[in-house]
């Protein structure tokens, strides 16, 4: 089975054989989580960073009144907490949204790999920068896009991210998220998510059945979302 982390990194730059081997050689404990489990907790000081091998996870902040805000969605190939390698104490939690399999890579291994392979270190750095770019794009949509436009934007983004790691089939991909989870990611209520889904369906832009989302009209969905994929940096070029 293809290494999703390697697939993701090679979408952005060509990794020579020795760097590919260094990525394949990353080893650690493999842990399985069920939906709702904390992969990492706010306040933790992990000695490893976690690569999502399968499933969906989310970066979450919990408010004092118990509400939660999802600030990132993670899928296979994502380092869900690579920044803990340098930041140390976690200022947020990472939750499993579905059944997840995680590879925990000790920071000592990452230190050796990045010191031996400076180019690989830059590509991993790029990964964290893209993470920040995605958050900026989400923030820009808050209060600036309608609920339907915000949802359309997320659907477009997730398609391209799924394509990058082999999780999409044409214009379709599995989206195993409830309307409540989508609302937590979009900053709207589950009721607004439901209305927005109905609007996209009625306009024949998407089909969403049984956890499978298919984009019916990519051009019109992109127009509604005002979607420009430049922030995902999916072009392979020297770094």
Foldseek 3Di string as FASTA:
>chain_A
DDQLLVLLLVLAANDPPVLVVLVVPQAADKDKDAFFDWPFAQFAQDQWWKAWQAAKKFWWDADPVGDIATQDIDGHNDRPPPVSLPPGGHRTIMGGRHITMIGTGGSVSVVVSCVVPVQSVVSVVVSVQLSVLVSVVLVCCVVPAALLLLVLQVLVVVQVVCVSRVQADVQKHFAPHQLCVVCSHNVHHSVSSVVSVVVCVVVQQWDAPPRMIGGRDVVVSCVSNVYDCVSNSSHYDRD
